[in-house]
């Protein structure tokens, strides 16, 4: 029994994902809107449990595929934690070989980054980050900006903004 000052406990079952739940959740195939070679197979763990301020995704990248177009965010922090396989990371002007147990942070306004699976086996990683209501993603190699405002995405080429 609760007093008027106490709130009854919320149902927590909706926020618990077991390994079996995750293993039995179908992946969603994402092909990057600006790079047909960037293909990720994703289970959006945060979406399943209703998180809105923070995203966490279990990602699988097949051999030879890329993860994204080289980019950085102006408002969103991101990170990856490699669970299995190997990934080649390009971060700014540097290159790194990543494997299970490696962690990388991508702070907002940081260097552009992208990854590729150059091995002959799948790679899996956790990808997470903040979900600001408004974010701008810059793609320096294709001279493009993408604006995400309350979930809606639009992009513009920098030459159309007079920025090239």
Protein backbone atom coordinates (compact mmCIF):
# COMPACT_ATOMS: atom_id res chain seq x y z
CA UNK A 1 0.00 0.00 0.00
CA UNK A 2 1.30 3.46 -0.87
CA UNK A 3 0.67 6.75 0.84
CA UNK A 4 -0.49 9.76 -1.24
CA UNK A 5 3.10 11.09 -1.22
CA UNK A 6 4.47 7.87 -2.70
CA UNK A 7 4.09 6.86 -6.30
CA UNK A 8 3.43 3.22 -7.07
CA UNK A 9 6.36 1.39 -8.66
CA UNK A 10 6.43 1.49 -12.44
CA UNK A 11 6.40 -1.71 -14.47
CA UNK A 12 10.05 -2.40 -15.14
CA UNK A 13 9.60 -5.48 -17.35
CA UNK A 14 9.41 -3.31 -20.49
CA UNK A 15 12.93 -2.03 -19.77
CA UNK A 16 14.61 -5.42 -19.41
CA UNK A 17 16.08 -7.17 -22.45
CA UNK A 18 17.57 -10.59 -21.91
CA UNK A 19 20.25 -12.05 -24.15
CA UNK A 20 17.54 -14.26 -25.61
CA UNK A 21 15.34 -11.21 -26.35
CA UNK A 22 18.23 -9.53 -28.14
CA UNK A 23 19.26 -12.66 -30.03
CA UNK A 24 15.67 -13.09 -31.26
CA UNK A 25 15.20 -9.48 -32.38
CA UNK A 26 15.53 -9.17 -36.15
CA UNK A 27 18.24 -6.84 -37.39
CA UNK A 28 17.34 -3.80 -39.45
CA UNK A 29 19.49 -3.28 -42.53
CA UNK A 30 20.61 0.35 -42.85
CA UNK A 31 22.21 1.60 -46.05
CA UNK A 32 23.69 5.06 -45.56
CA UNK A 33 21.85 7.72 -47.52
CA UNK A 34 25.09 9.09 -49.01
CA UNK A 35 27.14 5.88 -49.35
CA UNK A 36 25.76 2.66 -50.86
CA UNK A 37 28.78 0.74 -49.52
CA UNK A 38 27.97 1.69 -45.92
CA UNK A 39 25.67 -1.10 -44.77
CA UNK A 40 24.94 -1.80 -41.12
CA UNK A 41 22.73 -4.52 -39.64
CA UNK A 42 21.35 -3.06 -36.43
CA UNK A 43 19.30 -3.88 -33.36
CA UNK A 44 18.38 -0.58 -31.70
CA UNK A 45 18.41 -1.60 -28.04
CA UNK A 46 17.52 1.86 -26.76
CA UNK A 47 14.49 2.11 -29.05
CA UNK A 48 13.15 -1.25 -27.91
CA UNK A 49 13.07 -0.10 -24.28
CA UNK A 50 11.82 3.39 -25.09
CA UNK A 51 14.91 5.52 -24.40
CA UNK A 52 14.69 8.86 -26.15
CA UNK A 53 17.63 10.96 -24.90
CA UNK A 54 20.33 8.37 -25.55
CA UNK A 55 20.77 5.83 -28.35
CA UNK A 56 22.44 2.42 -28.03
CA UNK A 57 22.61 0.05 -30.97
CA UNK A 58 24.06 -3.41 -31.52
CA UNK A 59 25.63 -3.24 -34.98
CA UNK A 60 26.97 -5.92 -37.30
CA UNK A 61 29.06 -5.02 -40.36
CA UNK A 62 29.76 -7.66 -42.97
CA UNK A 63 33.17 -8.20 -44.53
CA UNK A 64 34.03 -5.45 -47.02
CA UNK A 65 31.30 -3.04 -45.90
CA UNK A 66 31.71 0.45 -44.52
CA UNK A 67 29.78 1.88 -41.58
CA UNK A 68 28.99 5.41 -42.72
CA UNK A 69 30.16 8.35 -44.79
CA UNK A 70 33.12 10.17 -43.19
CA UNK A 71 31.42 12.69 -40.86
CA UNK A 72 31.17 14.47 -37.52
CA UNK A 73 28.31 15.89 -35.49
CA UNK A 74 28.01 19.40 -34.11
CA UNK A 75 25.78 18.48 -31.15
CA UNK A 76 25.83 14.72 -30.66
CA UNK A 77 28.51 12.76 -28.82
CA UNK A 78 28.99 9.20 -30.11
CA UNK A 79 30.99 6.14 -29.15
CA UNK A 80 31.66 2.59 -30.27
CA UNK A 81 32.77 -0.47 -28.31
CA UNK A 82 33.95 -3.37 -30.46
CA UNK A 83 32.51 -6.75 -29.42
CA UNK A 84 33.95 -9.01 -32.12
CA UNK A 85 35.83 -8.91 -35.40
CA UNK A 86 38.06 -6.17 -36.72
CA UNK A 87 37.36 -2.68 -38.03
CA UNK A 88 39.58 -0.14 -39.71
CA UNK A 89 38.87 3.29 -38.25
CA UNK A 90 39.68 6.52 -40.01
CA UNK A 91 39.56 9.30 -37.42
CA UNK A 92 40.55 12.71 -38.71
CA UNK A 93 43.85 12.13 -40.54
CA UNK A 94 44.75 9.00 -38.54
CA UNK A 95 44.05 5.31 -39.14
CA UNK A 96 43.53 2.71 -36.40
CA UNK A 97 42.91 -1.02 -36.43
CA UNK A 98 40.23 -1.93 -33.90
CA UNK A 99 39.34 -5.32 -32.42
CA UNK A 100 37.25 -6.79 -29.60
CA UNK A 101 37.49 -4.73 -26.42
CA UNK A 102 38.48 -1.46 -28.11
CA UNK A 103 36.49 1.69 -27.34
CA UNK A 104 36.42 4.97 -29.26
CA UNK A 105 34.70 8.24 -28.33
CA UNK A 106 33.60 10.75 -30.94
CA UNK A 107 32.86 14.05 -29.18
CA UNK A 108 30.62 16.66 -30.77
CA UNK A 109 32.67 19.07 -32.91
CA UNK A 110 35.44 16.45 -33.05
CA UNK A 111 37.29 15.05 -36.02
CA UNK A 112 35.44 13.33 -38.85
CA UNK A 113 35.29 9.55 -38.56
CA UNK A 114 34.25 6.42 -40.43
CA UNK A 115 35.00 2.70 -40.34
CA UNK A 116 35.34 -0.19 -42.73
CA UNK A 117 35.41 -3.93 -42.18
CA UNK A 118 38.46 -4.94 -44.22
CA UNK A 119 38.56 -8.47 -42.80
CA UNK A 120 36.83 -11.57 -44.17
CA UNK A 121 34.53 -11.98 -41.14
CA UNK A 122 31.67 -9.96 -39.65
CA UNK A 123 32.44 -7.34 -37.00
CA UNK A 124 30.03 -6.37 -34.23
CA UNK A 125 30.05 -3.36 -31.96
CA UNK A 126 27.90 -1.28 -29.67
CA UNK A 127 27.29 2.22 -30.97
CA UNK A 128 25.81 4.84 -28.73
CA UNK A 129 25.37 8.50 -28.28
CA UNK A 130 23.29 11.44 -27.23
CA UNK A 131 20.12 12.34 -29.11
CA UNK A 132 19.82 16.12 -29.14
CA UNK A 133 16.58 17.53 -30.55
CA UNK A 134 18.63 19.44 -33.13
CA UNK A 135 21.91 18.27 -34.65
CA UNK A 136 24.00 19.10 -37.69
CA UNK A 137 26.16 16.44 -39.32
CA UNK A 138 28.99 17.54 -41.59
CA UNK A 139 30.34 15.33 -44.38
CA UNK A 140 33.61 17.03 -45.34
CA UNK A 141 34.51 14.74 -48.26
CA UNK A 142 31.23 15.26 -50.08
CA UNK A 143 30.79 18.91 -48.99
CA UNK A 144 27.37 18.33 -47.44
CA UNK A 145 25.53 19.24 -44.22
CA UNK A 146 22.60 17.31 -42.83
CA UNK A 147 20.21 18.93 -40.40
CA UNK A 148 18.19 16.74 -38.04
CA UNK A 149 15.43 18.62 -36.28
CA UNK A 150 13.11 16.63 -33.99
CA UNK A 151 13.73 13.45 -35.99
CA UNK A 152 13.31 14.97 -39.45
CA UNK A 153 16.41 14.99 -41.67
CA UNK A 154 17.23 17.39 -44.50
CA UNK A 155 20.53 18.02 -46.21
CA UNK A 156 22.14 20.70 -48.30
CA UNK A 157 25.29 20.80 -50.38
CA UNK A 158 27.77 23.35 -49.04
CA UNK A 159 28.09 25.05 -52.43
CA UNK A 160 24.37 25.91 -52.19
CA UNK A 161 25.13 27.66 -48.88
CA UNK A 162 28.10 29.49 -50.37
CA UNK A 163 30.43 27.58 -48.01
CA UNK A 164 32.67 25.90 -50.59
